[in-house]
C-alpha cells in the first residue's frame, strides 16, 4: 500500500512539474486528473493510518490515551516510552 501511495504522489508531482506554460485546456484536464489522484492519495493515507492503528493492542491504546490526556504531568522517561 505504501508503494501505491508513493506512485500516486509521484504522478501528482510529475503533472505539476509539466504544467509550466500550459494552456487553459491542458490546465483543466490536469486539474481534474490531480483531483482524482489526490482523492486516491487521501484514501490510501487513511487506509495506511487505519492499518497502523489496528495493529495496536487495546491495552496499548488505552495506556497511550492516559498519557496523552495527562501529557503535562507525564515524566520525561514515560514520554520516551518502552
PDB file of N, CA and C in Angstrom:
ATOM      1  N   UNK A   1       0.823  -1.186   0.000  1.00  0.00           N
ATOM      2  CA  UNK A   1       0.000   0.000   0.000  1.00  0.00           C
ATOM      3  C   UNK A   1       0.874   1.259   0.000  1.00  0.00           C
ATOM      4  N   UNK A   2       1.998   1.217   0.722  1.00  0.00           N
ATOM      5  CA  UNK A   2       2.907   2.363   0.721  1.00  0.00           C
ATOM      6  C   UNK A   2       3.483   2.611  -0.659  1.00  0.00           C
ATOM      7  N   UNK A   3       3.741   1.538  -1.408  1.00  0.00           N
ATOM      8  CA  UNK A   3       4.279   1.670  -2.762  1.00  0.00           C
ATOM      9  C   UNK A   3       3.265   2.372  -3.656  1.00  0.00           C
ATOM     10  N   UNK A   4       2.015   1.985  -3.537  1.00  0.00           N
ATOM     11  CA  UNK A   4       0.966   2.622  -4.336  1.00  0.00           C
ATOM     12  C   UNK A   4       0.838   4.098  -3.977  1.00  0.00           C
ATOM     13  N   UNK A   5       0.947   4.415  -2.686  1.00  0.00           N
ATOM     14  CA  UNK A   5       0.888   5.805  -2.243  1.00  0.00           C
ATOM     15  C   UNK A   5       2.016   6.616  -2.887  1.00  0.00           C
ATOM     16  N   UNK A   6       3.219   6.063  -2.886  1.00  0.00           N
ATOM     17  CA  UNK A   6       4.374   6.761  -3.471  1.00  0.00           C
ATOM     18  C   UNK A   6       4.173   6.948  -4.975  1.00  0.00           C
ATOM     19  N   UNK A   7       3.626   5.938  -5.652  1.00  0.00           N
ATOM     20  CA  UNK A   7       3.375   6.050  -7.085  1.00  0.00           C
ATOM     21  C   UNK A   7       2.377   7.167  -7.380  1.00  0.00           C
ATOM     22  N   UNK A   8       1.310   7.239  -6.618  1.00  0.00           N
ATOM     23  CA  UNK A   8       0.296   8.284  -6.817  1.00  0.00           C
ATOM     24  C   UNK A   8       0.913   9.653  -6.547  1.00  0.00           C
ATOM     25  N   UNK A   9       1.662   9.764  -5.469  1.00  0.00           N
ATOM     26  CA  UNK A   9       2.295  11.030  -5.118  1.00  0.00           C
ATOM     27  C   UNK A   9       3.273  11.467  -6.208  1.00  0.00           C
ATOM     28  N   UNK A  10       4.034  10.535  -6.751  1.00  0.00           N
ATOM     29  CA  UNK A  10       4.986  10.828  -7.825  1.00  0.00           C
ATOM     30  C   UNK A  10       4.262  11.279  -9.083  1.00  0.00           C
ATOM     31  N   UNK A  11       3.142  10.641  -9.391  1.00  0.00           N
ATOM     32  CA  UNK A  11       2.368  11.028 -10.568  1.00  0.00           C
ATOM     33  C   UNK A  11       1.827  12.452 -10.428  1.00  0.00           C
ATOM     34  N   UNK A  12       1.381  12.808  -9.228  1.00  0.00           N
ATOM     35  CA  UNK A  12       0.907  14.176  -8.985  1.00  0.00           C
ATOM     36  C   UNK A  12       2.054  15.156  -9.200  1.00  0.00           C
ATOM     37  N   UNK A  13       3.224  14.840  -8.663  1.00  0.00           N
ATOM     38  CA  UNK A  13       4.387  15.726  -8.819  1.00  0.00           C
ATOM     39  C   UNK A  13       4.761  15.892 -10.286  1.00  0.00           C
ATOM     40  N   UNK A  14       4.723  14.819 -11.057  1.00  0.00           N
ATOM     41  CA  UNK A  14       5.044  14.894 -12.484  1.00  0.00           C
ATOM     42  C   UNK A  14       4.072  15.809 -13.212  1.00  0.00           C
ATOM     43  N   UNK A  15       2.786  15.650 -12.896  1.00  0.00           N
ATOM     44  CA  UNK A  15       1.778  16.511 -13.521  1.00  0.00           C
ATOM     45  C   UNK A  15       2.033  17.977 -13.185  1.00  0.00           C
ATOM     46  N   UNK A  16       2.322  18.245 -11.938  1.00  0.00           N
ATOM     47  CA  UNK A  16       2.572  19.622 -11.535  1.00  0.00           C
ATOM     48  C   UNK A  16       3.807  20.188 -12.212  1.00  0.00           C
ATOM     49  N   UNK A  17       4.844  19.380 -12.342  1.00  0.00           N
ATOM     50  CA  UNK A  17       6.075  19.826 -12.993  1.00  0.00           C
ATOM     51  C   UNK A  17       5.860  20.163 -14.466  1.00  0.00           C
ATOM     52  N   UNK A  18       4.945  19.475 -15.106  1.00  0.00           N
ATOM     53  CA  UNK A  18       4.702  19.675 -16.536  1.00  0.00           C
ATOM     54  C   UNK A  18       3.725  20.804 -16.840  1.00  0.00           C
ATOM     55  N   UNK A  19       3.193  21.453 -15.834  1.00  0.00           N
ATOM     56  CA  UNK A  19       2.167  22.470 -16.070  1.00  0.00           C
ATOM     57  C   UNK A  19       2.729  23.863 -16.374  1.00  0.00           C
ATOM     58  N   UNK A  20       4.010  24.037 -16.256  1.00  0.00           N
ATOM     59  CA  UNK A  20       4.599  25.344 -16.534  1.00  0.00           C
ATOM     60  C   UNK A  20       4.312  25.727 -17.983  1.00  0.00           C
ATOM     61  N   UNK A  21       3.656  26.849 -18.166  1.00  0.00           N
ATOM     62  CA  UNK A  21       3.356  27.350 -19.506  1.00  0.00           C
ATOM     63  C   UNK A  21       2.220  26.624 -20.205  1.00  0.00           C
ATOM     64  N   UNK A  22       1.462  25.837 -19.486  1.00  0.00           N
ATOM     65  CA  UNK A  22       0.361  25.090 -20.106  1.00  0.00           C
ATOM     66  C   UNK A  22      -0.801  26.020 -20.442  1.00  0.00           C
ATOM     67  N   UNK A  23      -1.539  25.652 -21.480  1.00  0.00           N
ATOM     68  CA  UNK A  23      -2.705  26.451 -21.870  1.00  0.00           C
ATOM     69  C   UNK A  23      -3.890  26.100 -20.968  1.00  0.00           C
ATOM     70  N   UNK A  24      -4.935  26.920 -20.991  1.00  0.00           N
ATOM     71  CA  UNK A  24      -6.087  26.705 -20.095  1.00  0.00           C
ATOM     72  C   UNK A  24      -6.742  25.325 -20.242  1.00  0.00           C
ATOM     73  N   UNK A  25      -6.812  24.810 -21.464  1.00  0.00           N
ATOM     74  CA  UNK A  25      -7.434  23.499 -21.673  1.00  0.00           C
ATOM     75  C   UNK A  25      -6.615  22.416 -20.987  1.00  0.00           C
ATOM     76  N   UNK A  26      -5.317  22.457 -21.172  1.00  0.00           N
ATOM     77  CA  UNK A  26      -4.442  21.477 -20.540  1.00  0.00           C
ATOM     78  C   UNK A  26      -4.497  21.612 -19.024  1.00  0.00           C
ATOM     79  N   UNK A  27      -4.552  22.838 -18.530  1.00  0.00           N
ATOM     80  CA  UNK A  27      -4.657  23.061 -17.084  1.00  0.00           C
ATOM     81  C   UNK A  27      -5.937  22.451 -16.520  1.00  0.00           C
ATOM     82  N   UNK A  28      -7.023  22.556 -17.275  1.00  0.00           N
ATOM     83  CA  UNK A  28      -8.297  21.995 -16.836  1.00  0.00           C
ATOM     84  C   UNK A  28      -8.214  20.469 -16.742  1.00  0.00           C
ATOM     85  N   UNK A  29      -7.657  19.831 -17.776  1.00  0.00           N
ATOM     86  CA  UNK A  29      -7.502  18.373 -17.748  1.00  0.00           C
ATOM     87  C   UNK A  29      -6.582  17.935 -16.610  1.00  0.00           C
ATOM     88  N   UNK A  30      -5.476  18.656 -16.453  1.00  0.00           N
ATOM     89  CA  UNK A  30      -4.522  18.309 -15.398  1.00  0.00           C
ATOM     90  C   UNK A  30      -5.156  18.486 -14.024  1.00  0.00           C
ATOM     91  N   UNK A  31      -5.936  19.532 -13.855  1.00  0.00           N
ATOM     92  CA  UNK A  31      -6.592  19.783 -12.579  1.00  0.00           C
ATOM     93  C   UNK A  31      -7.543  18.639 -12.230  1.00  0.00           C
ATOM     94  N   UNK A  32      -8.313  18.184 -13.212  1.00  0.00           N
ATOM     95  CA  UNK A  32      -9.223  17.056 -12.980  1.00  0.00           C
ATOM     96  C   UNK A  32      -8.455  15.802 -12.597  1.00  0.00           C
ATOM     97  N   UNK A  33      -7.367  15.543 -13.308  1.00  0.00           N
ATOM     98  CA  UNK A  33      -6.554  14.359 -13.026  1.00  0.00           C
ATOM     99  C   UNK A  33      -5.938  14.446 -11.635  1.00  0.00           C
ATOM    100  N   UNK A  34      -5.436  15.619 -11.278  1.00  0.00           N
ATOM    101  CA  UNK A  34      -4.825  15.809  -9.966  1.00  0.00           C
ATOM    102  C   UNK A  34      -5.865  15.637  -8.862  1.00  0.00           C
ATOM    103  N   UNK A  35      -7.073  16.125  -9.065  1.00  0.00           N
ATOM    104  CA  UNK A  35      -8.135  15.952  -8.070  1.00  0.00           C
ATOM    105  C   UNK A  35      -8.425  14.469  -7.839  1.00  0.00           C
ATOM    106  N   UNK A  36      -8.491  13.698  -8.917  1.00  0.00           N
ATOM    107  CA  UNK A  36      -8.738  12.258  -8.790  1.00  0.00           C
ATOM    108  C   UNK A  36      -7.571  11.571  -8.070  1.00  0.00           C
ATOM    109  N   UNK A  37      -6.351  11.928  -8.457  1.00  0.00           N
ATOM    110  CA  UNK A  37      -5.181  11.334  -7.818  1.00  0.00           C
ATOM    111  C   UNK A  37      -5.101  11.718  -6.346  1.00  0.00           C
ATOM    112  N   UNK A  38      -5.448  12.969  -6.042  1.00  0.00           N
ATOM    113  CA  UNK A  38      -5.405  13.411  -4.654  1.00  0.00           C
ATOM    114  C   UNK A  38      -6.442  12.673  -3.808  1.00  0.00           C
ATOM    115  N   UNK A  39      -7.607  12.437  -4.375  1.00  0.00           N
ATOM    116  CA  UNK A  39      -8.634  11.676  -3.657  1.00  0.00           C
ATOM    117  C   UNK A  39      -8.136  10.258  -3.382  1.00  0.00           C
ATOM    118  N   UNK A  40      -7.470   9.668  -4.366  1.00  0.00           N
ATOM    119  CA  UNK A  40      -6.923   8.329  -4.180  1.00  0.00           C
ATOM    120  C   UNK A  40      -5.816   8.359  -3.122  1.00  0.00           C
ATOM    121  N   UNK A  41      -4.985   9.399  -3.162  1.00  0.00           N
ATOM    122  CA  UNK A  41      -3.903   9.534  -2.183  1.00  0.00           C
ATOM    123  C   UNK A  41      -4.479   9.671  -0.777  1.00  0.00           C
ATOM    124  N   UNK A  42      -5.517  10.475  -0.621  1.00  0.00           N
ATOM    125  CA  UNK A  42      -6.161  10.648   0.687  1.00  0.00           C
ATOM    126  C   UNK A  42      -6.735   9.321   1.184  1.00  0.00           C
ATOM    127  N   UNK A  43      -7.338   8.570   0.276  1.00  0.00           N
ATOM    128  CA  UNK A  43      -7.891   7.268   0.632  1.00  0.00           C
ATOM    129  C   UNK A  43      -6.784   6.318   1.084  1.00  0.00           C
ATOM    130  N   UNK A  44      -5.667   6.326   0.375  1.00  0.00           N
ATOM    131  CA  UNK A  44      -4.532   5.476   0.753  1.00  0.00           C
ATOM    132  C   UNK A  44      -3.959   5.889   2.099  1.00  0.00           C
ATOM    133  N   UNK A  45      -3.861   7.191   2.333  1.00  0.00           N
ATOM    134  CA  UNK A  45      -3.351   7.675   3.619  1.00  0.00           C
ATOM    135  C   UNK A  45      -4.239   7.196   4.763  1.00  0.00           C
ATOM    136  N   UNK A  46      -5.553   7.256   4.549  1.00  0.00           N
ATOM    137  CA  UNK A  46      -6.484   6.801   5.583  1.00  0.00           C
ATOM    138  C   UNK A  46      -6.343   5.300   5.815  1.00  0.00           C
ATOM    139  N   UNK A  47      -6.215   4.541   4.725  1.00  0.00           N
ATOM    140  CA  UNK A  47      -6.065   3.093   4.850  1.00  0.00           C
ATOM    141  C   UNK A  47      -4.775   2.738   5.584  1.00  0.00           C
ATOM    142  N   UNK A  48      -3.696   3.455   5.287  1.00  0.00           N
ATOM    143  CA  UNK A  48      -2.425   3.211   5.968  1.00  0.00           C
ATOM    144  C   UNK A  48      -2.551   3.540   7.450  1.00  0.00           C
ATOM    145  N   UNK A  49      -3.171   4.669   7.749  1.00  0.00           N
ATOM    146  CA  UNK A  49      -3.366   5.054   9.156  1.00  0.00           C
ATOM    147  C   UNK A  49      -4.238   4.035   9.877  1.00  0.00           C
ATOM    148  N   UNK A  50      -5.289   3.555   9.221  1.00  0.00           N
ATOM    149  CA  UNK A  50      -6.169   2.552   9.825  1.00  0.00           C
ATOM    150  C   UNK A  50      -5.414   1.255  10.098  1.00  0.00           C
ATOM    151  N   UNK A  51      -4.549   0.866   9.161  1.00  0.00           N
ATOM    152  CA  UNK A  51      -3.762  -0.349   9.355  1.00  0.00           C
ATOM    153  C   UNK A  51      -2.821  -0.197  10.540  1.00  0.00           C
ATOM    154  N   UNK A  52      -2.218   0.961  10.663  1.00  0.00           N
ATOM    155  CA  UNK A  52      -1.284   1.184  11.765  1.00  0.00           C
ATOM    156  C   UNK A  52      -1.998   1.142  13.108  1.00  0.00           C
ATOM    157  N   UNK A  53      -3.166   1.740  13.190  1.00  0.00           N
ATOM    158  CA  UNK A  53      -3.876   1.758  14.463  1.00  0.00           C
ATOM    159  C   UNK A  53      -4.499   0.405  14.783  1.00  0.00           C
ATOM    160  N   UNK A  54      -4.844  -0.364  13.745  1.00  0.00           N
ATOM    161  CA  UNK A  54      -5.454  -1.666  14.005  1.00  0.00           C
ATOM    162  C   UNK A  54      -4.442  -2.664  14.542  1.00  0.00           C
ATOM    163  N   UNK A  55      -3.158  -2.404  14.362  1.00  0.00           N
ATOM    164  CA  UNK A  55      -2.135  -3.323  14.857  1.00  0.00           C
ATOM    165  C   UNK A  55      -1.782  -3.055  16.314  1.00  0.00           C
ATOM    166  N   UNK A  56      -2.286  -1.961  16.862  1.00  0.00           N
ATOM    167  CA  UNK A  56      -2.028  -1.648  18.265  1.00  0.00           C
ATOM    168  C   UNK A  56      -3.019  -2.395  19.145  1.00  0.00           C
ATOM    169  N   UNK A  57      -2.525  -2.936  20.228  1.00  0.00           N
ATOM    170  CA  UNK A  57      -3.418  -3.645  21.140  1.00  0.00           C
ATOM    171  C   UNK A  57      -4.306  -2.643  21.869  1.00  0.00           C
ATOM    172  N   UNK A  58      -5.485  -3.076  22.268  1.00  0.00           N
ATOM    173  CA  UNK A  58      -6.374  -2.177  23.014  1.00  0.00           C
ATOM    174  C   UNK A  58      -5.722  -1.683  24.307  1.00  0.00           C
ATOM    175  N   UNK A  59      -4.915  -2.537  24.942  1.00  0.00           N
ATOM    176  CA  UNK A  59      -4.241  -2.135  26.178  1.00  0.00           C
ATOM    177  C   UNK A  59      -3.245  -1.005  25.903  1.00  0.00           C
ATOM    178  N   UNK A  60      -2.498  -1.126  24.813  1.00  0.00           N
ATOM    179  CA  UNK A  60      -1.519  -0.101  24.465  1.00  0.00           C
ATOM    180  C   UNK A  60      -2.221   1.211  24.130  1.00  0.00           C
ATOM    181  N   UNK A  61      -3.299   1.113  23.358  1.00  0.00           N
ATOM    182  CA  UNK A  61      -4.061   2.306  23.001  1.00  0.00           C
ATOM    183  C   UNK A  61      -4.609   2.988  24.245  1.00  0.00           C
ATOM    184  N   UNK A  62      -5.146   2.202  25.180  1.00  0.00           N
ATOM    185  CA  UNK A  62      -5.682   2.764  26.421  1.00  0.00           C
ATOM    186  C   UNK A  62      -4.567   3.419  27.233  1.00  0.00           C
ATOM    187  N   UNK A  63      -3.424   2.752  27.305  1.00  0.00           N
ATOM    188  CA  UNK A  63      -2.276   3.293  28.030  1.00  0.00           C
ATOM    189  C   UNK A  63      -1.831   4.623  27.427  1.00  0.00           C
ATOM    190  N   UNK A  64      -1.727   4.663  26.102  1.00  0.00           N
ATOM    191  CA  UNK A  64      -1.292   5.891  25.425  1.00  0.00           C
ATOM    192  C   UNK A  64      -2.321   6.996  25.598  1.00  0.00           C
ATOM    193  N   UNK A  65      -3.596   6.647  25.609  1.00  0.00           N
ATOM    194  CA  UNK A  65      -4.643   7.657  25.813  1.00  0.00           C
ATOM    195  C   UNK A  65      -4.471   8.324  27.164  1.00  0.00           C
ATOM    196  N   UNK A  66      -4.154   7.522  28.167  1.00  0.00           N
ATOM    197  CA  UNK A  66      -3.924   8.076  29.500  1.00  0.00           C
ATOM    198  C   UNK A  66      -2.760   9.041  29.514  1.00  0.00           C
ATOM    199  N   UNK A  67      -1.677   8.673  28.826  1.00  0.00           N
ATOM    200  CA  UNK A  67      -0.521   9.565  28.744  1.00  0.00           C
ATOM    201  C   UNK A  67      -0.870  10.861  28.031  1.00  0.00           C
ATOM    202  N   UNK A  68      -1.601  10.752  26.937  1.00  0.00           N
ATOM    203  CA  UNK A  68      -1.934  11.950  26.172  1.00  0.00           C
ATOM    204  C   UNK A  68      -2.872  12.875  26.934  1.00  0.00           C
ATOM    205  N   UNK A  69      -3.806  12.294  27.686  1.00  0.00           N
ATOM    206  CA  UNK A  69      -4.722  13.121  28.463  1.00  0.00           C
ATOM    207  C   UNK A  69      -3.985  13.878  29.564  1.00  0.00           C
ATOM    208  N   UNK A  70      -2.924  13.276  30.088  1.00  0.00           N
ATOM    209  CA  UNK A  70      -2.169  13.883  31.190  1.00  0.00           C
ATOM    210  C   UNK A  70      -0.738  14.229  30.764  1.00  0.00           C
ATOM    211  N   UNK A  71      -0.548  14.606  29.520  1.00  0.00           N
ATOM    212  CA  UNK A  71       0.792  14.805  28.951  1.00  0.00           C
ATOM    213  C   UNK A  71       1.645  15.765  29.774  1.00  0.00           C
ATOM    214  N   UNK A  72       1.066  16.827  30.258  1.00  0.00           N
ATOM    215  CA  UNK A  72       1.839  17.815  31.019  1.00  0.00           C
ATOM    216  C   UNK A  72       2.358  17.249  32.328  1.00  0.00           C
ATOM    217  N   UNK A  73       1.715  16.220  32.848  1.00  0.00           N
ATOM    218  CA  UNK A  73       2.124  15.630  34.123  1.00  0.00           C
ATOM    219  C   UNK A  73       2.982  14.371  33.961  1.00  0.00           C
ATOM    220  N   UNK A  74       3.172  13.912  32.718  1.00  0.00           N
ATOM    221  CA  UNK A  74       3.929  12.683  32.469  1.00  0.00           C
ATOM    222  C   UNK A  74       5.417  12.994  32.533  1.00  0.00           C
ATOM    223  N   UNK A  75       6.186  12.107  33.158  1.00  0.00           N
ATOM    224  CA  UNK A  75       7.625  12.313  33.272  1.00  0.00           C
ATOM    225  C   UNK A  75       8.298  12.137  31.927  1.00  0.00           C
ATOM    226  N   UNK A  76       9.497  12.669  31.823  1.00  0.00           N
ATOM    227  CA  UNK A  76      10.261  12.554  30.577  1.00  0.00           C
ATOM    228  C   UNK A  76      10.497  11.084  30.216  1.00  0.00           C
ATOM    229  N   UNK A  77      10.849  10.278  31.205  1.00  0.00           N
ATOM    230  CA  UNK A  77      11.098   8.853  30.955  1.00  0.00           C
ATOM    231  C   UNK A  77       9.852   8.162  30.413  1.00  0.00           C
ATOM    232  N   UNK A  78       8.686   8.496  30.978  1.00  0.00           N
ATOM    233  CA  UNK A  78       7.450   7.895  30.484  1.00  0.00           C
ATOM    234  C   UNK A  78       7.119   8.378  29.076  1.00  0.00           C
ATOM    235  N   UNK A  79       7.471   9.623  28.754  1.00  0.00           N
ATOM    236  CA  UNK A  79       7.232  10.146  27.415  1.00  0.00           C
ATOM    237  C   UNK A  79       8.060   9.403  26.385  1.00  0.00           C
ATOM    238  N   UNK A  80       9.230   8.953  26.774  1.00  0.00           N
ATOM    239  CA  UNK A  80      10.114   8.235  25.838  1.00  0.00           C
ATOM    240  C   UNK A  80       9.563   6.873  25.500  1.00  0.00           C
ATOM    241  N   UNK A  81       8.734   6.314  26.337  1.00  0.00           N
ATOM    242  CA  UNK A  81       8.104   5.033  26.068  1.00  0.00           C
ATOM    243  C   UNK A  81       9.006   3.861  26.368  1.00  0.00           C
ATOM    244  N   UNK A  82       8.537   2.679  25.980  1.00  0.00           N
ATOM    245  CA  UNK A  82       9.296   1.450  26.303  1.00  0.00           C
ATOM    246  C   UNK A  82      10.560   1.323  25.475  1.00  0.00           C
TER     247      UNK A  82
END
